Amino acid sequence: MLVIVCYDVSTETREGRRRLRRVAKVCESTGQRVQKSVFECQVNLMQLEALERRLLAEIKVEVDCLRLYRLAETRGCEVREYGHFRALDYDAPLVV
């Protein structure tokens, strides 16, 4: 399934800036960055639960915001892209 992870971490303090870097690293380890605080992750249910646990361990719910959008393949998923960034197609053949 495709999961969109969006976050907004308060960076008013030094700890907030560190938290932002940690959240970004968790997301980078699982998916690809499509905007500054938005990632696309191709995961199964178990990976999604692990990702969610890791992100919740990093954020501070009192001041930060985290949203995970689950796009199930059974319903179909259409993504329209504009601009210079092109996302990786996880289903396409890998050419080395």
C-alpha atoms as a PDB file:
ATOM      1  CA  MET A   1       0.000   0.000   0.000  1.00  0.00           C
ATOM      2  CA  LEU A   2       1.053   3.572  -0.527  1.00  0.00           C
ATOM      3  CA  VAL A   3       1.208   5.730   2.603  1.00  0.00           C
ATOM      4  CA  ILE A   4       1.634   9.488   2.573  1.00  0.00           C
ATOM      5  CA  VAL A   5       3.348  10.810   5.704  1.00  0.00           C
ATOM      6  CA  CYS A   6       3.020  14.526   6.469  1.00  0.00           C
ATOM      7  CA  TYR A   7       4.414  16.230   9.523  1.00  0.00           C
ATOM      8  CA  ASP A   8       4.863  19.637  11.045  1.00  0.00           C
ATOM      9  CA  VAL A   9       7.367  19.729  13.873  1.00  0.00           C
ATOM     10  CA  SER A  10       7.736  22.838  16.015  1.00  0.00           C
ATOM     11  CA  THR A  11      11.298  24.141  15.559  1.00  0.00           C
ATOM     12  CA  GLU A  12      11.190  27.060  17.995  1.00  0.00           C
ATOM     13  CA  THR A  13      13.631  25.303  20.319  1.00  0.00           C
ATOM     14  CA  ARG A  14      16.878  23.394  19.827  1.00  0.00           C
ATOM     15  CA  GLU A  15      15.104  20.199  20.906  1.00  0.00           C
ATOM     16  CA  GLY A  16      12.410  20.847  18.285  1.00  0.00           C
ATOM     17  CA  ARG A  17      15.024  21.160  15.536  1.00  0.00           C
ATOM     18  CA  ARG A  18      16.590  17.863  16.666  1.00  0.00           C
ATOM     19  CA  ARG A  19      13.146  16.254  16.700  1.00  0.00           C
ATOM     20  CA  LEU A  20      12.545  17.471  13.148  1.00  0.00           C
ATOM     21  CA  ARG A  21      15.785  15.838  11.961  1.00  0.00           C
ATOM     22  CA  ARG A  22      14.922  12.565  13.711  1.00  0.00           C
ATOM     23  CA  VAL A  23      11.419  12.475  12.190  1.00  0.00           C
ATOM     24  CA  ALA A  24      12.870  13.139   8.726  1.00  0.00           C
ATOM     25  CA  LYS A  25      15.428  10.326   9.161  1.00  0.00           C
ATOM     26  CA  VAL A  26      12.704   7.862  10.132  1.00  0.00           C
ATOM     27  CA  CYS A  27      10.729   8.822   7.025  1.00  0.00           C
ATOM     28  CA  GLU A  28      13.801   8.703   4.758  1.00  0.00           C
ATOM     29  CA  SER A  29      14.547   5.171   5.965  1.00  0.00           C
ATOM     30  CA  THR A  30      11.137   4.002   4.752  1.00  0.00           C
ATOM     31  CA  GLY A  31      10.096   6.156   1.793  1.00  0.00           C
ATOM     32  CA  GLN A  32      10.997   8.961  -0.527  1.00  0.00           C
ATOM     33  CA  ARG A  33      10.682  12.659   0.130  1.00  0.00           C
ATOM     34  CA  VAL A  34       8.255  14.393  -2.241  1.00  0.00           C
ATOM     35  CA  GLN A  35       8.166  17.731  -0.425  1.00  0.00           C
ATOM     36  CA  LYS A  36       9.987  19.129   2.596  1.00  0.00           C
ATOM     37  CA  SER A  37       7.708  17.460   5.154  1.00  0.00           C
ATOM     38  CA  VAL A  38       5.877  14.961   2.936  1.00  0.00           C
ATOM     39  CA  PHE A  39       6.992  11.406   2.163  1.00  0.00           C
ATOM     40  CA  GLU A  40       5.593   8.586   0.039  1.00  0.00           C
ATOM     41  CA  CYS A  41       6.153   5.152   1.524  1.00  0.00           C
ATOM     42  CA  GLN A  42       5.393   1.842  -0.183  1.00  0.00           C
ATOM     43  CA  VAL A  43       4.808  -0.495   2.774  1.00  0.00           C
ATOM     44  CA  ASN A  44       2.844  -3.503   3.937  1.00  0.00           C
ATOM     45  CA  LEU A  45       0.650  -3.427   7.055  1.00  0.00           C
ATOM     46  CA  MET A  46       3.400  -4.574   9.402  1.00  0.00           C
ATOM     47  CA  GLN A  47       5.837  -1.949   8.056  1.00  0.00           C
ATOM     48  CA  LEU A  48       3.148   0.730   8.395  1.00  0.00           C
ATOM     49  CA  GLU A  49       2.587  -0.123  12.049  1.00  0.00           C
ATOM     50  CA  ALA A  50       6.346  -0.062  12.711  1.00  0.00           C
ATOM     51  CA  LEU A  51       6.691   3.290  10.927  1.00  0.00           C
ATOM     52  CA  GLU A  52       3.814   4.759  12.909  1.00  0.00           C
ATOM     53  CA  ARG A  53       5.311   3.559  16.219  1.00  0.00           C
ATOM     54  CA  ARG A  54       8.726   5.010  15.343  1.00  0.00           C
ATOM     55  CA  LEU A  55       7.241   8.375  14.344  1.00  0.00           C
ATOM     56  CA  LEU A  56       5.034   8.594  17.434  1.00  0.00           C
ATOM     57  CA  ALA A  57       8.108   7.907  19.573  1.00  0.00           C
ATOM     58  CA  GLU A  58       9.840  10.941  18.002  1.00  0.00           C
ATOM     59  CA  ILE A  59       7.138  13.607  17.895  1.00  0.00           C
ATOM     60  CA  LYS A  60       5.795  15.659  20.775  1.00  0.00           C
ATOM     61  CA  VAL A  61       2.004  15.521  20.393  1.00  0.00           C
ATOM     62  CA  GLU A  62       1.511  18.733  22.376  1.00  0.00           C
ATOM     63  CA  VAL A  63       3.253  20.908  19.740  1.00  0.00           C
ATOM     64  CA  ASP A  64       3.822  18.736  16.630  1.00  0.00           C
ATOM     65  CA  CYS A  65       1.484  17.344  14.001  1.00  0.00           C
ATOM     66  CA  LEU A  66       1.714  13.989  12.216  1.00  0.00           C
ATOM     67  CA  ARG A  67      -0.661  12.681   9.532  1.00  0.00           C
ATOM     68  CA  LEU A  68      -0.536   9.332   7.749  1.00  0.00           C
ATOM     69  CA  TYR A  69      -2.717   8.803   4.679  1.00  0.00           C
ATOM     70  CA  ARG A  70      -3.188   5.161   3.707  1.00  0.00           C
ATOM     71  CA  LEU A  71      -4.018   4.675   0.024  1.00  0.00           C
ATOM     72  CA  ALA A  72      -5.131   1.107  -0.492  1.00  0.00           C
ATOM     73  CA  GLU A  73      -4.290  -0.413  -3.873  1.00  0.00           C
ATOM     74  CA  THR A  74      -7.672  -2.133  -4.095  1.00  0.00           C
ATOM     75  CA  ARG A  75      -9.427   1.206  -4.532  1.00  0.00           C
ATOM     76  CA  GLY A  76      -6.939   2.448  -7.072  1.00  0.00           C
ATOM     77  CA  CYS A  77      -4.589   5.327  -6.587  1.00  0.00           C
ATOM     78  CA  GLU A  78      -3.953   8.147  -8.996  1.00  0.00           C
ATOM     79  CA  VAL A  79      -1.180  10.656  -8.420  1.00  0.00           C
ATOM     80  CA  ARG A  80      -0.824  13.716 -10.625  1.00  0.00           C
ATOM     81  CA  GLU A  81       2.578  15.372 -10.543  1.00  0.00           C
ATOM     82  CA  TYR A  82       3.564  18.847 -11.677  1.00  0.00           C
ATOM     83  CA  GLY A  83       6.955  20.478 -11.445  1.00  0.00           C
ATOM     84  CA  HIS A  84      10.501  19.205 -11.676  1.00  0.00           C
ATOM     85  CA  PHE A  85      10.342  16.347  -9.128  1.00  0.00           C
ATOM     86  CA  ARG A  86       9.460  12.862 -10.351  1.00  0.00           C
ATOM     87  CA  ALA A  87       8.812  10.134  -7.813  1.00  0.00           C
ATOM     88  CA  LEU A  88      10.195   6.621  -8.115  1.00  0.00           C
ATOM     89  CA  ASP A  89       7.787   4.023  -9.456  1.00  0.00           C
ATOM     90  CA  TYR A  90       8.106   1.130  -7.007  1.00  0.00           C
ATOM     91  CA  ASP A  91       6.267  -1.236  -9.354  1.00  0.00           C
ATOM     92  CA  ALA A  92       8.450  -0.557 -12.394  1.00  0.00           C
ATOM     93  CA  PRO A  93      11.442  -2.778 -13.245  1.00  0.00           C
ATOM     94  CA  LEU A  94      14.692  -1.781 -11.561  1.00  0.00           C
ATOM     95  CA  VAL A  95      17.478  -1.075 -14.043  1.00  0.00           C
ATOM     96  CA  VAL A  96      20.994  -1.161 -12.634  1.00  0.00           C
END
